[in-house]
Amino acid sequence: MSKQIGFDRFIKLQWAEDLAWRMRETKDEVSLKRIIAEDILSKELPTQETRRKTSIVLLKAFYRIPPQHERLRNEALELLPQVGVNEAKALYWGLMLLAFPIFTDTARHIGQLFSLQSDASAALVQRRVIETWGQRGSLHSTLNKVVKTMAEWGCIDLTDHKKVLVPKAPTPLGKPASLWLTRVALTVSETPLVPVDQALRPSICFPFTMDIHAQDFSDGEFLLQRMDGRTEYVGLRHRL
């Protein structure tokens, strides 16, 4: 079965922040729909149809999540009062990764390119994603919305008429947010085990500097395995 795109709206960071905090008060879907439409989006999106479509994306990231991701979502909401405003962005980023494979794949390709060079061609990012997802009528529009969202969140700059992506200074994370985001990265990883050095610096987490070290993987939730006698791999125990 082909992967579903499901991301067809540009999402402002403020909308994600507002919804996350309101979800600490209620997880009733009817109430959340009203909050999004009347409190979060009403002043910024002019039509009811635009608000409805944007609500679908927000609810999918924060509310209508697969059961296996509910624990991570709930932990993110619990962490909100413990982290600063800048760190909280990592929690919303992680929820987007869990909800939208297209967001994850785009972040992965951008992060990989940034690890090799100082910028990334938007055309090259699109080409790499299309190689994975295939030619789809809505994919080009979706990728533009994903990139625009990342830029509005302060994760990248768009230069040369939006043809080149440039990384912004990464946001430093404390230990709790770092461990949570690492678990998200391992959850959405294409393989259940990844080399430890990659787990410490996941390409999909390129907007953040994470306070995590190999010894943190001694926690019971992680599993370490040494392969080919040299390389050490790590994964989440429940995925193995």
C-alpha atoms as a PDB file:
ATOM      1  CA  MET A   1       0.000   0.000   0.000  1.00  0.00           C
ATOM      2  CA  SER A   2       1.368   3.413  -0.951  1.00  0.00           C
ATOM      3  CA  LYS A   3       2.024   5.921   1.791  1.00  0.00           C
ATOM      4  CA  GLN A   4      -0.609   8.577   2.341  1.00  0.00           C
ATOM      5  CA  ILE A   5       0.510  12.196   2.026  1.00  0.00           C
ATOM      6  CA  GLY A   6      -2.061  13.770   4.345  1.00  0.00           C
ATOM      7  CA  PHE A   7      -0.234  17.117   4.572  1.00  0.00           C
ATOM      8  CA  ASP A   8      -1.855  19.709   2.350  1.00  0.00           C
ATOM      9  CA  ARG A   9      -1.750  22.885   4.457  1.00  0.00           C
ATOM     10  CA  PHE A  10       0.931  25.295   5.589  1.00  0.00           C
ATOM     11  CA  ILE A  11       1.080  25.235   9.417  1.00  0.00           C
ATOM     12  CA  LYS A  12       2.261  28.170  11.504  1.00  0.00           C
ATOM     13  CA  LEU A  13       4.300  27.474  14.620  1.00  0.00           C
ATOM     14  CA  GLN A  14       1.927  29.606  16.686  1.00  0.00           C
ATOM     15  CA  TRP A  15      -1.021  27.426  15.698  1.00  0.00           C
ATOM     16  CA  ALA A  16       0.835  24.297  16.817  1.00  0.00           C
ATOM     17  CA  GLU A  17       1.810  25.952  20.088  1.00  0.00           C
ATOM     18  CA  ASP A  18      -1.712  27.175  20.807  1.00  0.00           C
ATOM     19  CA  LEU A  19      -3.234  23.764  20.128  1.00  0.00           C
ATOM     20  CA  ALA A  20      -0.673  21.896  22.234  1.00  0.00           C
ATOM     21  CA  TRP A  21      -1.355  24.081  25.266  1.00  0.00           C
ATOM     22  CA  ARG A  22      -5.114  23.821  24.818  1.00  0.00           C
ATOM     23  CA  MET A  23      -4.814  20.042  24.644  1.00  0.00           C
ATOM     24  CA  ARG A  24      -3.437  20.106  28.167  1.00  0.00           C
ATOM     25  CA  GLU A  25      -6.893  21.366  29.146  1.00  0.00           C
ATOM     26  CA  THR A  26      -9.075  19.084  27.037  1.00  0.00           C
ATOM     27  CA  LYS A  27      -8.814  16.161  24.659  1.00  0.00           C
ATOM     28  CA  ASP A  28     -12.466  16.269  23.633  1.00  0.00           C
ATOM     29  CA  GLU A  29     -12.546  16.324  19.834  1.00  0.00           C
ATOM     30  CA  VAL A  30     -15.635  18.528  19.529  1.00  0.00           C
ATOM     31  CA  SER A  31     -14.085  21.085  21.867  1.00  0.00           C
ATOM     32  CA  LEU A  32     -10.769  20.992  20.026  1.00  0.00           C
ATOM     33  CA  LYS A  33     -12.449  21.550  16.658  1.00  0.00           C
ATOM     34  CA  ARG A  34     -14.212  24.614  18.067  1.00  0.00           C
ATOM     35  CA  ILE A  35     -11.011  25.911  19.649  1.00  0.00           C
ATOM     36  CA  ILE A  36      -9.099  25.567  16.390  1.00  0.00           C
ATOM     37  CA  ALA A  37     -11.802  27.160  14.255  1.00  0.00           C
ATOM     38  CA  GLU A  38     -12.851  29.966  16.608  1.00  0.00           C
ATOM     39  CA  ASP A  39      -9.768  30.748  18.697  1.00  0.00           C
ATOM     40  CA  ILE A  40      -6.683  29.667  16.753  1.00  0.00           C
ATOM     41  CA  LEU A  41      -7.506  30.156  13.072  1.00  0.00           C
ATOM     42  CA  SER A  42     -10.463  32.529  12.869  1.00  0.00           C
ATOM     43  CA  LYS A  43      -8.440  35.750  12.623  1.00  0.00           C
ATOM     44  CA  GLU A  44      -5.870  34.410  10.156  1.00  0.00           C
ATOM     45  CA  LEU A  45      -7.753  32.221   7.696  1.00  0.00           C
ATOM     46  CA  PRO A  46     -10.634  33.958   5.926  1.00  0.00           C
ATOM     47  CA  THR A  47     -12.904  31.098   4.850  1.00  0.00           C
ATOM     48  CA  GLN A  48     -14.568  28.269   6.701  1.00  0.00           C
ATOM     49  CA  GLU A  49     -13.273  25.745   4.155  1.00  0.00           C
ATOM     50  CA  THR A  50      -9.652  26.843   4.640  1.00  0.00           C
ATOM     51  CA  ARG A  51     -10.057  26.618   8.408  1.00  0.00           C
ATOM     52  CA  ARG A  52     -11.619  23.170   8.077  1.00  0.00           C
ATOM     53  CA  LYS A  53      -8.769  21.797   5.952  1.00  0.00           C
ATOM     54  CA  THR A  54      -6.124  23.305   8.229  1.00  0.00           C
ATOM     55  CA  SER A  55      -7.909  21.847  11.260  1.00  0.00           C
ATOM     56  CA  ILE A  56      -7.624  18.371   9.740  1.00  0.00           C
ATOM     57  CA  VAL A  57      -3.832  18.667   9.533  1.00  0.00           C
ATOM     58  CA  LEU A  58      -3.502  20.059  13.069  1.00  0.00           C
ATOM     59  CA  LEU A  59      -5.776  17.400  14.539  1.00  0.00           C
ATOM     60  CA  LYS A  60      -3.917  14.636  12.743  1.00  0.00           C
ATOM     61  CA  ALA A  61      -0.632  15.778  14.270  1.00  0.00           C
ATOM     62  CA  PHE A  62      -1.871  16.415  17.792  1.00  0.00           C
ATOM     63  CA  TYR A  63      -5.070  14.429  18.308  1.00  0.00           C
ATOM     64  CA  ARG A  64      -5.918  11.806  15.678  1.00  0.00           C
ATOM     65  CA  ILE A  65      -2.673   9.933  16.090  1.00  0.00           C
ATOM     66  CA  PRO A  66      -2.093   6.183  15.762  1.00  0.00           C
ATOM     67  CA  PRO A  67      -2.569   4.387  19.108  1.00  0.00           C
ATOM     68  CA  GLN A  68       1.100   3.349  19.164  1.00  0.00           C
ATOM     69  CA  HIS A  69       2.119   7.017  19.260  1.00  0.00           C
ATOM     70  CA  GLU A  70      -0.254   8.171  22.007  1.00  0.00           C
ATOM     71  CA  ARG A  71       2.314   7.715  24.760  1.00  0.00           C
ATOM     72  CA  LEU A  72       4.847   9.927  22.960  1.00  0.00           C
ATOM     73  CA  ARG A  73       2.162  12.557  22.314  1.00  0.00           C
ATOM     74  CA  ASN A  74       1.081  12.562  25.945  1.00  0.00           C
ATOM     75  CA  GLU A  75       4.680  12.831  27.131  1.00  0.00           C
ATOM     76  CA  ALA A  76       5.194  15.819  24.829  1.00  0.00           C
ATOM     77  CA  LEU A  77       2.210  17.589  26.373  1.00  0.00           C
ATOM     78  CA  GLU A  78       3.542  16.823  29.853  1.00  0.00           C
ATOM     79  CA  LEU A  79       6.950  18.249  28.916  1.00  0.00           C
ATOM     80  CA  LEU A  80       5.546  21.574  27.699  1.00  0.00           C
ATOM     81  CA  PRO A  81       5.653  23.399  31.075  1.00  0.00           C
ATOM     82  CA  GLN A  82       9.165  22.057  31.729  1.00  0.00           C
ATOM     83  CA  VAL A  83      10.851  23.424  28.606  1.00  0.00           C
ATOM     84  CA  GLY A  84      11.318  26.910  27.220  1.00  0.00           C
ATOM     85  CA  VAL A  85       9.468  28.315  24.230  1.00  0.00           C
ATOM     86  CA  ASN A  86      12.328  27.512  21.862  1.00  0.00           C
ATOM     87  CA  GLU A  87      12.678  23.952  23.135  1.00  0.00           C
ATOM     88  CA  ALA A  88       8.925  23.392  22.822  1.00  0.00           C
ATOM     89  CA  LYS A  89       9.350  23.706  19.048  1.00  0.00           C
ATOM     90  CA  ALA A  90      11.157  20.339  19.148  1.00  0.00           C
ATOM     91  CA  LEU A  91       8.047  18.746  20.644  1.00  0.00           C
ATOM     92  CA  TYR A  92       5.812  20.066  17.862  1.00  0.00           C
ATOM     93  CA  TRP A  93       8.435  19.024  15.293  1.00  0.00           C
ATOM     94  CA  GLY A  94       8.440  15.504  16.707  1.00  0.00           C
ATOM     95  CA  LEU A  95       4.657  15.262  16.530  1.00  0.00           C
ATOM     96  CA  MET A  96       4.777  16.304  12.873  1.00  0.00           C
ATOM     97  CA  LEU A  97       7.339  13.570  12.239  1.00  0.00           C
ATOM     98  CA  LEU A  98       5.068  10.985  13.866  1.00  0.00           C
ATOM     99  CA  ALA A  99       1.982  12.111  11.963  1.00  0.00           C
ATOM    100  CA  PHE A 100       3.275  12.755   8.445  1.00  0.00           C
ATOM    101  CA  PRO A 101       5.769  10.464   6.675  1.00  0.00           C
ATOM    102  CA  ILE A 102       6.123  13.118   3.952  1.00  0.00           C
ATOM    103  CA  PHE A 103       7.317  15.600   6.604  1.00  0.00           C
ATOM    104  CA  THR A 104       9.769  12.985   7.909  1.00  0.00           C
ATOM    105  CA  ASP A 105      11.187  12.142   4.490  1.00  0.00           C
ATOM    106  CA  THR A 106      11.571  15.810   3.555  1.00  0.00           C
ATOM    107  CA  ALA A 107      13.340  16.542   6.850  1.00  0.00           C
ATOM    108  CA  ARG A 108      15.611  13.529   6.343  1.00  0.00           C
ATOM    109  CA  HIS A 109      16.763  14.637   2.901  1.00  0.00           C
ATOM    110  CA  ILE A 110      17.262  18.246   3.991  1.00  0.00           C
ATOM    111  CA  GLY A 111      19.199  17.158   7.066  1.00  0.00           C
ATOM    112  CA  GLN A 112      21.403  14.805   5.065  1.00  0.00           C
ATOM    113  CA  LEU A 113      22.226  17.561   2.569  1.00  0.00           C
ATOM    114  CA  PHE A 114      22.966  20.054   5.345  1.00  0.00           C
ATOM    115  CA  SER A 115      25.397  17.562   6.900  1.00  0.00           C
ATOM    116  CA  LEU A 116      27.394  17.586   3.652  1.00  0.00           C
ATOM    117  CA  GLN A 117      27.188  21.222   2.606  1.00  0.00           C
ATOM    118  CA  SER A 118      26.096  24.673   3.759  1.00  0.00           C
ATOM    119  CA  ASP A 119      22.825  24.743   1.829  1.00  0.00           C
ATOM    120  CA  ALA A 120      20.464  22.569  -0.185  1.00  0.00           C
ATOM    121  CA  SER A 121      18.821  23.028  -3.537  1.00  0.00           C
ATOM    122  CA  ALA A 122      15.038  22.921  -3.241  1.00  0.00           C
ATOM    123  CA  ALA A 123      14.916  21.103  -6.576  1.00  0.00           C
ATOM    124  CA  LEU A 124      17.304  18.409  -5.313  1.00  0.00           C
ATOM    125  CA  VAL A 125      15.246  17.903  -2.147  1.00  0.00           C
ATOM    126  CA  GLN A 126      12.100  17.524  -4.244  1.00  0.00           C
ATOM    127  CA  ARG A 127      13.823  15.091  -6.602  1.00  0.00           C
ATOM    128  CA  ARG A 128      14.966  12.893  -3.704  1.00  0.00           C
ATOM    129  CA  VAL A 129      11.500  12.829  -2.134  1.00  0.00           C
ATOM    130  CA  ILE A 130       9.865  12.020  -5.469  1.00  0.00           C
ATOM    131  CA  GLU A 131      12.256   9.074  -5.868  1.00  0.00           C
ATOM    132  CA  THR A 132      10.710   7.625  -2.707  1.00  0.00           C
ATOM    133  CA  TRP A 133       7.096   8.675  -3.156  1.00  0.00           C
ATOM    134  CA  GLY A 134       6.770   8.503  -6.925  1.00  0.00           C
ATOM    135  CA  GLN A 135       5.158  11.047  -9.217  1.00  0.00           C
ATOM    136  CA  ARG A 136       1.914  12.200  -7.612  1.00  0.00           C
ATOM    137  CA  GLY A 137      -0.225  15.106  -8.704  1.00  0.00           C
ATOM    138  CA  SER A 138      -0.271  16.801  -5.294  1.00  0.00           C
ATOM    139  CA  LEU A 139       3.289  16.036  -4.239  1.00  0.00           C
ATOM    140  CA  HIS A 140       4.919  19.197  -5.599  1.00  0.00           C
ATOM    141  CA  SER A 141       2.375  21.392  -3.804  1.00  0.00           C
ATOM    142  CA  THR A 142       2.749  19.363  -0.612  1.00  0.00           C
ATOM    143  CA  LEU A 143       6.538  19.706  -0.585  1.00  0.00           C
ATOM    144  CA  ASN A 144       6.226  23.463  -0.992  1.00  0.00           C
ATOM    145  CA  LYS A 145       3.924  23.572   2.039  1.00  0.00           C
ATOM    146  CA  VAL A 146       6.277  21.394   4.098  1.00  0.00           C
ATOM    147  CA  VAL A 147       9.264  23.602   3.264  1.00  0.00           C
ATOM    148  CA  LYS A 148       7.247  26.785   3.894  1.00  0.00           C
ATOM    149  CA  THR A 149       6.195  25.387   7.280  1.00  0.00           C
ATOM    150  CA  MET A 150       9.804  24.617   8.203  1.00  0.00           C
ATOM    151  CA  ALA A 151      10.828  28.136   7.206  1.00  0.00           C
ATOM    152  CA  GLU A 152       8.044  29.786   9.220  1.00  0.00           C
ATOM    153  CA  TRP A 153       9.093  27.691  12.224  1.00  0.00           C
ATOM    154  CA  GLY A 154      12.567  29.243  11.991  1.00  0.00           C
ATOM    155  CA  CYS A 155      14.286  25.989  10.981  1.00  0.00           C
ATOM    156  CA  ILE A 156      15.499  27.061   7.528  1.00  0.00           C
ATOM    157  CA  ASP A 157      15.848  30.172   5.397  1.00  0.00           C
ATOM    158  CA  LEU A 158      14.666  30.305   1.780  1.00  0.00           C
ATOM    159  CA  THR A 159      16.979  32.240  -0.528  1.00  0.00           C
ATOM    160  CA  ASP A 160      17.383  32.924  -4.240  1.00  0.00           C
ATOM    161  CA  HIS A 161      13.614  33.157  -4.840  1.00  0.00           C
ATOM    162  CA  LYS A 162      13.010  30.099  -2.590  1.00  0.00           C
ATOM    163  CA  LYS A 163      15.264  27.913  -4.742  1.00  0.00           C
ATOM    164  CA  VAL A 164      17.904  27.331  -2.033  1.00  0.00           C
ATOM    165  CA  LEU A 165      17.408  26.152   1.554  1.00  0.00           C
ATOM    166  CA  VAL A 166      19.841  27.382   4.204  1.00  0.00           C
ATOM    167  CA  PRO A 167      19.902  26.073   7.791  1.00  0.00           C
ATOM    168  CA  LYS A 168      19.189  28.421  10.664  1.00  0.00           C
ATOM    169  CA  ALA A 169      21.227  28.204  13.866  1.00  0.00           C
ATOM    170  CA  PRO A 170      20.062  25.007  15.612  1.00  0.00           C
ATOM    171  CA  THR A 171      18.049  25.258  18.815  1.00  0.00           C
ATOM    172  CA  PRO A 172      19.814  23.665  21.816  1.00  0.00           C
ATOM    173  CA  LEU A 173      17.708  21.148  23.724  1.00  0.00           C
ATOM    174  CA  GLY A 174      17.959  20.007  27.322  1.00  0.00           C
ATOM    175  CA  LYS A 175      18.103  16.347  28.282  1.00  0.00           C
ATOM    176  CA  PRO A 176      14.337  15.637  28.600  1.00  0.00           C
ATOM    177  CA  ALA A 177      13.448  17.106  25.200  1.00  0.00           C
ATOM    178  CA  SER A 178      16.516  15.473  23.627  1.00  0.00           C
ATOM    179  CA  LEU A 179      15.608  12.003  24.893  1.00  0.00           C
ATOM    180  CA  TRP A 180      12.006  12.424  23.787  1.00  0.00           C
ATOM    181  CA  LEU A 181      12.984  13.580  20.283  1.00  0.00           C
ATOM    182  CA  THR A 182      15.506  10.746  19.988  1.00  0.00           C
ATOM    183  CA  ARG A 183      12.754   8.246  20.733  1.00  0.00           C
ATOM    184  CA  VAL A 184      10.613   9.886  18.055  1.00  0.00           C
ATOM    185  CA  ALA A 185      13.467   9.624  15.554  1.00  0.00           C
ATOM    186  CA  LEU A 186      13.960   5.934  16.339  1.00  0.00           C
ATOM    187  CA  THR A 187      10.183   5.371  16.122  1.00  0.00           C
ATOM    188  CA  VAL A 188       9.952   6.758  12.575  1.00  0.00           C
ATOM    189  CA  SER A 189      13.275   5.263  11.442  1.00  0.00           C
ATOM    190  CA  GLU A 190      13.025   3.112   8.323  1.00  0.00           C
ATOM    191  CA  THR A 191      14.950   0.371  10.151  1.00  0.00           C
ATOM    192  CA  PRO A 192      14.463  -0.735  13.779  1.00  0.00           C
ATOM    193  CA  LEU A 193      18.201  -0.508  14.469  1.00  0.00           C
ATOM    194  CA  VAL A 194      20.455   2.399  13.497  1.00  0.00           C
ATOM    195  CA  PRO A 195      24.145   3.060  14.173  1.00  0.00           C
ATOM    196  CA  VAL A 196      24.631   4.811  17.491  1.00  0.00           C
ATOM    197  CA  ASP A 197      26.408   7.786  15.904  1.00  0.00           C
ATOM    198  CA  GLN A 198      23.403   8.371  13.636  1.00  0.00           C
ATOM    199  CA  ALA A 199      20.992   8.045  16.568  1.00  0.00           C
ATOM    200  CA  LEU A 200      22.905  10.756  18.394  1.00  0.00           C
ATOM    201  CA  ARG A 201      22.532  13.145  15.432  1.00  0.00           C
ATOM    202  CA  PRO A 202      19.425  12.135  13.455  1.00  0.00           C
ATOM    203  CA  SER A 203      19.204  13.922  10.125  1.00  0.00           C
ATOM    204  CA  ILE A 204      15.463  14.485  10.618  1.00  0.00           C
ATOM    205  CA  CYS A 205      16.275  16.524  13.750  1.00  0.00           C
ATOM    206  CA  PHE A 206      18.614  18.938  11.956  1.00  0.00           C
ATOM    207  CA  PRO A 207      17.005  22.091  13.477  1.00  0.00           C
ATOM    208  CA  PHE A 208      18.136  21.062  16.967  1.00  0.00           C
ATOM    209  CA  THR A 209      21.308  20.415  18.962  1.00  0.00           C
ATOM    210  CA  MET A 210      20.505  17.479  21.202  1.00  0.00           C
ATOM    211  CA  ASP A 211      21.958  16.839  24.648  1.00  0.00           C
ATOM    212  CA  ILE A 212      22.275  13.084  24.358  1.00  0.00           C
ATOM    213  CA  HIS A 213      25.195  10.688  24.632  1.00  0.00           C
ATOM    214  CA  ALA A 214      25.773   7.000  24.011  1.00  0.00           C
ATOM    215  CA  GLN A 215      25.472   6.205  27.730  1.00  0.00           C
ATOM    216  CA  ASP A 216      21.892   7.485  27.656  1.00  0.00           C
ATOM    217  CA  PHE A 217      20.994   4.413  25.613  1.00  0.00           C
ATOM    218  CA  SER A 218      21.517   2.242  28.704  1.00  0.00           C
ATOM    219  CA  ASP A 219      17.906   3.084  29.622  1.00  0.00           C
ATOM    220  CA  GLY A 220      15.657   0.030  29.479  1.00  0.00           C
ATOM    221  CA  GLU A 221      13.603   1.473  26.648  1.00  0.00           C
ATOM    222  CA  PHE A 222      16.604   1.308  24.320  1.00  0.00           C
ATOM    223  CA  LEU A 223      18.404  -1.796  23.113  1.00  0.00           C
ATOM    224  CA  LEU A 224      22.051  -1.804  22.044  1.00  0.00           C
ATOM    225  CA  GLN A 225      23.460  -4.427  19.696  1.00  0.00           C
ATOM    226  CA  ARG A 226      26.941  -4.779  18.261  1.00  0.00           C
ATOM    227  CA  MET A 227      27.070  -6.010  14.678  1.00  0.00           C
ATOM    228  CA  ASP A 228      29.971  -7.179  12.503  1.00  0.00           C
ATOM    229  CA  GLY A 229      32.091  -7.033  15.630  1.00  0.00           C
ATOM    230  CA  ARG A 230      32.598  -3.279  15.400  1.00  0.00           C
ATOM    231  CA  THR A 231      29.554  -1.091  14.807  1.00  0.00           C
ATOM    232  CA  GLU A 232      27.136  -0.583  17.674  1.00  0.00           C
ATOM    233  CA  TYR A 233      23.477  -0.122  16.838  1.00  0.00           C
ATOM    234  CA  VAL A 234      20.568   1.126  18.917  1.00  0.00           C
ATOM    235  CA  GLY A 235      16.828   0.769  18.645  1.00  0.00           C
ATOM    236  CA  LEU A 236      13.688   0.919  20.714  1.00  0.00           C
ATOM    237  CA  ARG A 237      13.039  -2.346  22.485  1.00  0.00           C
ATOM    238  CA  HIS A 238       9.351  -2.420  21.518  1.00  0.00           C
ATOM    239  CA  ARG A 239      10.236  -2.239  17.790  1.00  0.00           C
ATOM    240  CA  LEU A 240      12.543  -5.285  17.911  1.00  0.00           C
END
